[in-house]
Amino acid sequence: MRKIVITCLICVSILLISCQKKSAQSVLEKYLDAERRSNYSEAYEYLSMSDQETLSEEEFMQKYKPEESVLRNMMLEKMSYSISGMEVQNETASAEVTKKLPDLETMMADLFQDALLSVFSGTPSDTMMEELVKEKYKDGNFPMIEIVEEYNLKREQGQWKIFLDLKIQVALEKLQEEVVKLKREKKFAEAIIKLEEIGKIASEYIENVTSEIKMLESQIEKQEQEFALQKEKEKYFPKLLIKNVKVADTYLGVGVFGEVKNTGNRTLDRVKIIIYGLDKNGKAIFERDYHPVLVVKDSFSLNPDKPLKPNYSEEFGCRMDGAPSDWNREVRIEVTDIEFHEKVK
């Protein structure tokens, strides 16, 4: 009798699991069908509560629904999918979905040269590419590709729902945007912190995250070297003496003339100064950048500028064309950048 009861329980359990699998698969099929028909409003209804709490229906459609086009509709007609390996564990389920769809990358590569020839130069427009695709594949024989994606489901209030984990996706996208912004601002250390957060949230990105962190660490090292060099330069600025400055008229116009003397112990390939034109109150009203010393490496010039050696001086003259009328013919000159002949150790 006991064996019969156990056997019955096992059969009931197997039957329940089978029913749960069919129920979960049915929901997944409905979601995929809605997605294929571009009915993202219907697809949204099959999402889990946590996904719907993360994105409203309008936000979901803005994020996932592509723009309508004749070409896209042609391609959707060729798309197919198959579900395999549906696994159910208590209140969760997962399955692999193999999607067979037109290989857009191959199609664009095949047609790109034709598109360029059509316009002779420049990048072909989306409209032109669409027309070329429609003509070439009007018989519907698109090159196809297969991709495999994993879908997860959750049972909520007795109903299976698609679980996209949008909360994590949105968090990842926000972190990735922050990483891009920080990299653009050259805040590499802060970008690394954000990347480490991405690695903790999504382990599947860990390889890419690790690679990018290494790249940013090299950028930080480069930054530190540049900072050290800049400090070395600024320390040397006071050793450059600007003297014998005068404003004079020449047959080419008014100019500022002077001399820069290297009182330090290092040879310089480049010295950049800014000449500020002053008004009667001694305030700067315009400026000119000038290089009294500028060695151009690998130059074909017969008279290349020579480096400025220790204790050497170099005379300079800078035209002041276009100076404003309230310029008092007085100037202030500052050294703003230099380049050492030898590398800083």
Protein backbone atom coordinates (compact mmCIF):
# COMPACT_ATOMS: atom_id res chain seq x y z
CA MET A 1 0.00 0.00 0.00
CA ARG A 2 2.82 2.39 0.94
CA LYS A 3 4.57 1.74 -2.39
CA ILE A 4 1.39 2.55 -4.26
CA VAL A 5 1.03 5.87 -2.41
CA ILE A 6 4.64 6.82 -3.12
CA THR A 7 4.25 5.88 -6.76
CA CYS A 8 1.11 8.00 -7.00
CA LEU A 9 2.84 10.97 -5.39
CA ILE A 10 5.74 10.69 -7.83
CA CYS A 11 3.33 10.56 -10.76
CA VAL A 12 1.42 13.57 -9.48
CA SER A 13 4.70 15.45 -8.98
CA ILE A 14 5.85 14.64 -12.51
CA LEU A 15 2.47 15.68 -13.87
CA LEU A 16 2.58 18.99 -11.99
CA ILE A 17 6.10 19.76 -13.24
CA SER A 18 5.04 18.92 -16.77
CA CYS A 19 2.04 21.23 -16.48
CA GLN A 20 4.21 24.00 -15.04
CA LYS A 21 6.66 23.64 -17.92
CA LYS A 22 3.86 23.85 -20.47
CA SER A 23 2.37 26.86 -18.71
CA ALA A 24 5.75 28.66 -18.52
CA GLN A 25 6.53 27.82 -22.15
CA SER A 26 3.12 29.11 -23.24
CA VAL A 27 3.79 32.49 -21.61
CA LEU A 28 7.26 32.68 -23.17
CA GLU A 29 5.80 31.87 -26.60
CA LYS A 30 3.21 34.62 -26.22
CA TYR A 31 5.90 37.11 -25.20
CA LEU A 32 8.14 36.18 -28.14
CA ASP A 33 5.22 36.30 -30.57
CA ALA A 34 4.28 39.79 -29.35
CA GLU A 35 7.90 40.87 -29.70
CA ARG A 36 8.08 39.48 -33.23
CA ARG A 37 4.89 41.37 -34.16
CA SER A 38 6.37 44.54 -32.63
CA ASN A 39 3.45 44.60 -30.21
CA TYR A 40 5.48 45.78 -27.25
CA SER A 41 2.38 46.93 -25.42
CA GLU A 42 1.22 43.30 -25.29
CA ALA A 43 4.74 42.09 -24.50
CA TYR A 44 4.80 44.44 -21.50
CA GLU A 45 1.78 42.64 -20.03
CA TYR A 46 3.83 39.45 -19.69
CA LEU A 47 6.63 41.12 -17.69
CA SER A 48 7.19 40.48 -14.00
CA MET A 49 6.05 43.02 -11.43
CA SER A 50 9.65 44.01 -10.62
CA ASP A 51 10.33 44.72 -14.31
CA GLN A 52 7.13 46.77 -14.61
CA GLU A 53 8.06 48.69 -11.46
CA THR A 54 11.43 49.53 -13.05
CA LEU A 55 10.07 50.75 -16.39
CA SER A 56 6.61 52.04 -17.24
CA GLU A 57 4.97 50.72 -20.42
CA GLU A 58 5.89 53.93 -22.24
CA GLU A 59 9.52 53.72 -21.09
CA PHE A 60 9.68 50.04 -22.05
CA MET A 61 8.41 50.80 -25.56
CA GLN A 62 10.81 53.71 -25.97
CA LYS A 63 13.69 51.48 -24.93
CA TYR A 64 12.91 48.32 -26.89
CA LYS A 65 10.53 49.11 -29.74
CA PRO A 66 12.47 49.82 -32.96
CA GLU A 67 11.33 52.26 -35.60
CA GLU A 68 8.83 50.95 -38.11
CA SER A 69 10.00 50.42 -41.71
CA VAL A 70 9.09 48.32 -44.73
CA LEU A 71 12.50 46.65 -44.58
CA ARG A 72 12.11 45.73 -40.93
CA ASN A 73 8.69 44.22 -41.59
CA MET A 74 10.18 42.14 -44.41
CA MET A 75 12.88 40.87 -42.07
CA LEU A 76 10.45 40.12 -39.22
CA GLU A 77 8.47 37.85 -41.52
CA LYS A 78 11.59 35.68 -41.86
CA MET A 79 12.31 35.56 -38.14
CA SER A 80 11.58 32.33 -36.28
CA TYR A 81 12.41 30.87 -32.87
CA SER A 82 12.43 27.60 -30.98
CA ILE A 83 12.34 27.03 -27.23
CA SER A 84 14.38 24.27 -25.64
CA GLY A 85 15.54 23.13 -22.23
CA MET A 86 12.68 24.58 -20.19
CA GLU A 87 13.58 24.04 -16.54
CA VAL A 88 11.24 24.74 -13.63
CA GLN A 89 12.40 25.10 -10.04
CA ASN A 90 9.68 26.03 -7.59
CA GLU A 91 8.66 29.59 -8.48
CA THR A 92 11.24 30.20 -11.23
CA ALA A 93 11.86 28.83 -14.71
CA SER A 94 14.42 29.25 -17.46
CA ALA A 95 14.73 28.23 -21.09
CA GLU A 96 17.00 28.67 -24.09
CA VAL A 97 15.53 30.39 -27.12
CA THR A 98 17.20 29.90 -30.49
CA LYS A 99 16.31 32.75 -32.80
CA LYS A 100 16.81 32.51 -36.53
CA LEU A 101 16.79 35.94 -38.15
CA PRO A 102 18.25 37.85 -41.12
CA ASP A 103 21.97 38.59 -40.77
CA LEU A 104 21.84 42.38 -41.01
CA GLU A 105 25.62 42.79 -40.65
CA THR A 106 26.30 40.54 -43.65
CA MET A 107 23.59 42.26 -45.68
CA MET A 108 24.98 45.73 -45.00
CA ALA A 109 28.54 44.61 -45.79
CA ASP A 110 27.39 43.12 -49.10
CA LEU A 111 25.58 46.30 -50.10
CA PHE A 112 27.89 48.98 -48.73
CA GLN A 113 30.16 49.12 -51.78
CA ASP A 114 27.15 49.33 -54.11
CA ALA A 115 25.78 52.18 -52.02
CA LEU A 116 29.07 54.07 -52.14
CA LEU A 117 29.24 53.68 -55.90
CA SER A 118 25.72 55.03 -56.13
CA VAL A 119 26.63 58.29 -54.44
CA PHE A 120 30.32 58.31 -55.58
CA SER A 121 31.48 59.51 -52.19
CA GLY A 122 30.36 59.90 -48.61
CA THR A 123 28.32 57.59 -46.40
CA PRO A 124 25.10 56.16 -47.86
CA SER A 125 21.88 57.20 -46.14
CA ASP A 126 19.62 54.80 -44.23
CA THR A 127 16.93 55.30 -46.88
CA MET A 128 19.30 54.37 -49.68
CA MET A 129 20.50 51.26 -47.85
CA GLU A 130 16.90 50.23 -47.21
CA GLU A 131 16.01 50.59 -50.90
CA LEU A 132 19.06 48.55 -51.93
CA VAL A 133 18.17 45.79 -49.46
CA LYS A 134 14.56 45.69 -50.65
CA GLU A 135 15.70 45.37 -54.26
CA LYS A 136 18.39 42.76 -53.66
CA TYR A 137 16.29 40.61 -51.33
CA LYS A 138 12.85 41.15 -52.85
CA ASP A 139 12.48 37.37 -53.17
CA GLY A 140 12.87 37.07 -49.38
CA ASN A 141 16.09 35.03 -49.47
CA PHE A 142 17.93 36.85 -46.72
CA PRO A 143 21.23 35.55 -45.32
CA MET A 144 20.28 34.10 -41.93
CA ILE A 145 21.97 33.83 -38.57
CA GLU A 146 21.13 31.95 -35.38
CA ILE A 147 21.52 33.38 -31.90
CA VAL A 148 20.81 31.68 -28.59
CA GLU A 149 19.39 33.66 -25.68
CA GLU A 150 18.38 32.59 -22.18
CA TYR A 151 15.04 33.73 -20.80
CA ASN A 152 14.01 33.62 -17.16
CA LEU A 153 10.47 33.49 -15.75
CA LYS A 154 8.94 34.01 -12.31
CA ARG A 155 5.62 32.80 -11.02
CA GLU A 156 3.65 35.63 -9.46
CA GLN A 157 0.18 35.17 -8.01
CA GLY A 158 -0.09 31.83 -9.77
CA GLN A 159 0.87 33.26 -13.19
CA TRP A 160 4.16 32.86 -15.04
CA LYS A 161 5.81 36.16 -15.97
CA ILE A 162 8.89 37.03 -18.03
CA PHE A 163 11.72 38.23 -15.81
CA LEU A 164 14.11 40.47 -17.76
CA ASP A 165 15.73 41.82 -14.60
CA LEU A 166 15.30 45.36 -15.91
CA LYS A 167 16.37 46.83 -12.59
CA ILE A 168 19.86 45.41 -13.10
CA GLN A 169 19.89 46.37 -16.79
CA VAL A 170 18.93 49.96 -16.03
CA ALA A 171 21.52 50.14 -13.24
CA LEU A 172 24.20 48.79 -15.60
CA GLU A 173 23.30 51.27 -18.31
CA LYS A 174 23.49 54.13 -15.82
CA LEU A 175 26.89 52.95 -14.60
CA GLN A 176 28.13 52.58 -18.18
CA GLU A 177 27.00 56.13 -18.97
CA GLU A 178 28.83 57.36 -15.88
CA VAL A 179 31.98 55.49 -16.95
CA VAL A 180 31.86 57.14 -20.40
CA LYS A 181 31.37 60.58 -18.82
CA LEU A 182 34.19 60.09 -16.31
CA LYS A 183 36.56 58.84 -19.01
CA ARG A 184 35.72 61.88 -21.14
CA GLU A 185 36.52 64.09 -18.13
CA LYS A 186 39.72 62.05 -17.57
CA LYS A 187 38.58 61.05 -14.08
CA PHE A 188 40.01 57.58 -14.55
CA ALA A 189 40.17 56.53 -10.87
CA GLU A 190 36.45 57.28 -10.43
CA ALA A 191 35.71 55.43 -13.68
CA ILE A 192 37.48 52.34 -12.29
CA ILE A 193 35.22 52.41 -9.20
CA LYS A 194 32.15 52.42 -11.47
CA LEU A 195 33.57 49.57 -13.55
CA GLU A 196 34.15 47.51 -10.41
CA GLU A 197 30.49 48.06 -9.51
CA ILE A 198 29.53 46.75 -12.95
CA GLY A 199 31.67 43.65 -12.37
CA LYS A 200 29.91 42.98 -9.06
CA ILE A 201 26.44 43.39 -10.57
CA ALA A 202 27.02 41.43 -13.79
CA SER A 203 29.67 38.71 -13.63
CA GLU A 204 29.29 38.04 -17.37
CA TYR A 205 30.99 41.39 -18.01
CA ILE A 206 33.95 40.69 -15.73
CA GLU A 207 36.39 39.94 -18.57
CA ASN A 208 35.59 43.19 -20.39
CA VAL A 209 35.58 45.10 -17.10
CA THR A 210 39.00 43.72 -16.13
CA SER A 211 40.43 44.65 -19.53
CA GLU A 212 39.06 48.19 -19.35
CA ILE A 213 40.31 48.65 -15.79
CA LYS A 214 43.83 47.71 -16.93
CA MET A 215 43.59 50.26 -19.73
CA LEU A 216 42.42 52.96 -17.30
CA GLU A 217 45.20 52.09 -14.86
CA SER A 218 47.70 52.72 -17.66
CA GLN A 219 45.95 56.05 -18.29
CA ILE A 220 46.27 56.91 -14.60
CA GLU A 221 49.98 56.10 -14.74
CA LYS A 222 50.33 58.32 -17.80
CA GLN A 223 48.39 61.08 -16.00
CA GLU A 224 50.72 60.84 -13.01
CA GLN A 225 53.75 61.09 -15.28
CA GLU A 226 52.27 64.12 -17.03
CA PHE A 227 51.45 65.70 -13.66
CA ALA A 228 55.00 65.12 -12.42
CA LEU A 229 56.39 66.61 -15.63
CA GLN A 230 54.13 69.63 -15.32
CA LYS A 231 55.28 70.21 -11.73
CA GLU A 232 58.89 69.92 -12.93
CA LYS A 233 58.19 72.51 -15.63
CA GLU A 234 56.50 74.94 -13.24
CA LYS A 235 59.43 74.59 -10.87
CA TYR A 236 61.73 75.62 -13.72
CA PHE A 237 59.68 78.62 -14.92
CA PRO A 238 61.30 81.11 -12.47
CA LYS A 239 64.70 80.18 -13.95
CA LEU A 240 63.72 81.78 -17.25
CA LEU A 241 64.42 85.50 -17.11
CA ILE A 242 62.54 87.79 -19.51
CA LYS A 243 64.50 91.02 -19.89
CA ASN A 244 65.14 94.07 -22.07
CA VAL A 245 61.48 94.18 -23.08
CA LYS A 246 60.40 97.08 -25.28
CA VAL A 247 57.59 98.04 -27.62
CA ALA A 248 58.78 99.53 -30.91
CA ASP A 249 57.52 100.49 -34.36
CA THR A 250 59.05 98.78 -37.38
CA TYR A 251 58.39 98.89 -41.12
CA LEU A 252 56.22 95.78 -40.56
CA GLY A 253 54.25 97.40 -37.78
CA VAL A 254 54.38 97.61 -34.00
CA GLY A 255 56.07 94.77 -32.14
CA VAL A 256 57.23 93.60 -28.75
CA PHE A 257 60.93 92.78 -28.46
CA GLY A 258 62.94 91.24 -25.69
CA GLU A 259 65.24 88.50 -24.54
CA VAL A 260 64.78 85.25 -22.64
CA LYS A 261 67.69 83.95 -20.57
CA ASN A 262 67.99 80.41 -19.23
CA THR A 263 69.44 80.78 -15.74
CA GLY A 264 68.83 77.12 -14.88
CA ASN A 265 70.89 74.00 -15.53
CA ARG A 266 68.78 72.28 -18.21
CA THR A 267 68.59 72.68 -21.97
CA LEU A 268 65.20 73.63 -23.43
CA ASP A 269 63.76 72.74 -26.84
CA ARG A 270 60.71 74.91 -26.44
CA VAL A 271 59.74 78.01 -24.50
CA LYS A 272 56.22 79.40 -24.78
CA ILE A 273 55.30 82.82 -23.49
CA ILE A 274 52.12 84.89 -23.38
CA ILE A 275 52.45 88.61 -24.06
CA TYR A 276 49.63 90.54 -22.38
CA GLY A 277 48.82 93.99 -23.78
CA LEU A 278 47.88 96.41 -20.99
CA ASP A 279 45.64 99.46 -20.85
CA LYS A 280 46.46 102.68 -18.98
CA ASN A 281 45.32 101.06 -15.71
CA GLY A 282 47.73 98.17 -16.15
CA LYS A 283 44.98 95.64 -16.90
CA ALA A 284 45.33 93.05 -19.65
CA ILE A 285 43.04 93.71 -22.63
CA PHE A 286 44.49 91.29 -25.22
CA GLU A 287 47.23 88.68 -25.53
CA ARG A 288 49.56 86.95 -27.95
CA ASP A 289 51.08 83.47 -27.71
CA TYR A 290 54.68 83.27 -28.85
CA HIS A 291 57.58 80.78 -28.90
CA PRO A 292 60.94 82.54 -28.54
CA VAL A 293 62.50 79.06 -28.53
CA LEU A 294 61.09 76.29 -30.71
CA VAL A 295 63.11 73.33 -31.94
CA VAL A 296 61.26 71.44 -34.67
CA LYS A 297 62.59 67.89 -34.72
CA ASP A 298 63.27 66.21 -38.07
CA SER A 299 62.82 69.55 -39.85
CA PHE A 300 64.10 70.10 -43.42
CA SER A 301 64.79 73.73 -42.56
CA LEU A 302 68.33 74.93 -43.34
CA ASN A 303 68.27 77.11 -40.21
CA PRO A 304 66.40 75.20 -37.50
CA ASP A 305 66.04 76.94 -34.14
CA LYS A 306 68.62 75.84 -31.65
CA PRO A 307 67.80 74.70 -28.12
CA LEU A 308 68.27 77.16 -25.28
CA LYS A 309 71.25 75.93 -23.26
CA PRO A 310 71.95 76.79 -19.60
CA ASN A 311 73.16 80.40 -19.22
CA TYR A 312 72.26 81.14 -22.87
CA SER A 313 69.89 83.87 -24.06
CA GLU A 314 67.59 84.17 -27.06
CA GLU A 315 66.25 87.42 -28.46
CA PHE A 316 62.69 87.57 -29.74
CA GLY A 317 60.29 89.88 -31.51
CA CYS A 318 56.53 89.45 -31.81
CA ARG A 319 54.24 91.50 -34.06
CA MET A 320 51.23 93.03 -32.32
CA ASP A 321 48.98 93.55 -35.33
CA GLY A 322 45.34 94.23 -34.54
CA ALA A 323 45.99 95.58 -31.05
CA PRO A 324 42.97 97.46 -29.61
CA SER A 325 42.99 101.25 -29.57
CA ASP A 326 43.11 101.44 -25.76
CA TRP A 327 46.38 99.51 -25.61
CA ASN A 328 48.85 101.68 -23.69
CA ARG A 329 51.89 100.12 -25.43
CA GLU A 330 52.74 98.41 -22.17
CA VAL A 331 53.05 94.65 -21.78
CA ARG A 332 53.39 91.88 -19.22
CA ILE A 333 55.07 88.64 -20.27
CA GLU A 334 54.72 85.25 -18.60
CA VAL A 335 56.32 81.89 -19.35
CA THR A 336 53.50 79.35 -19.70
CA ASP A 337 55.16 76.19 -21.04
CA ILE A 338 58.55 74.63 -21.78
CA GLU A 339 59.92 71.42 -23.18
CA PHE A 340 63.11 69.92 -21.79
CA HIS A 341 65.74 68.76 -24.27
CA GLU A 342 66.28 65.59 -22.22
CA LYS A 343 63.61 63.39 -20.69
CA VAL A 344 62.70 63.90 -17.03
CA LYS A 345 63.91 60.96 -14.97
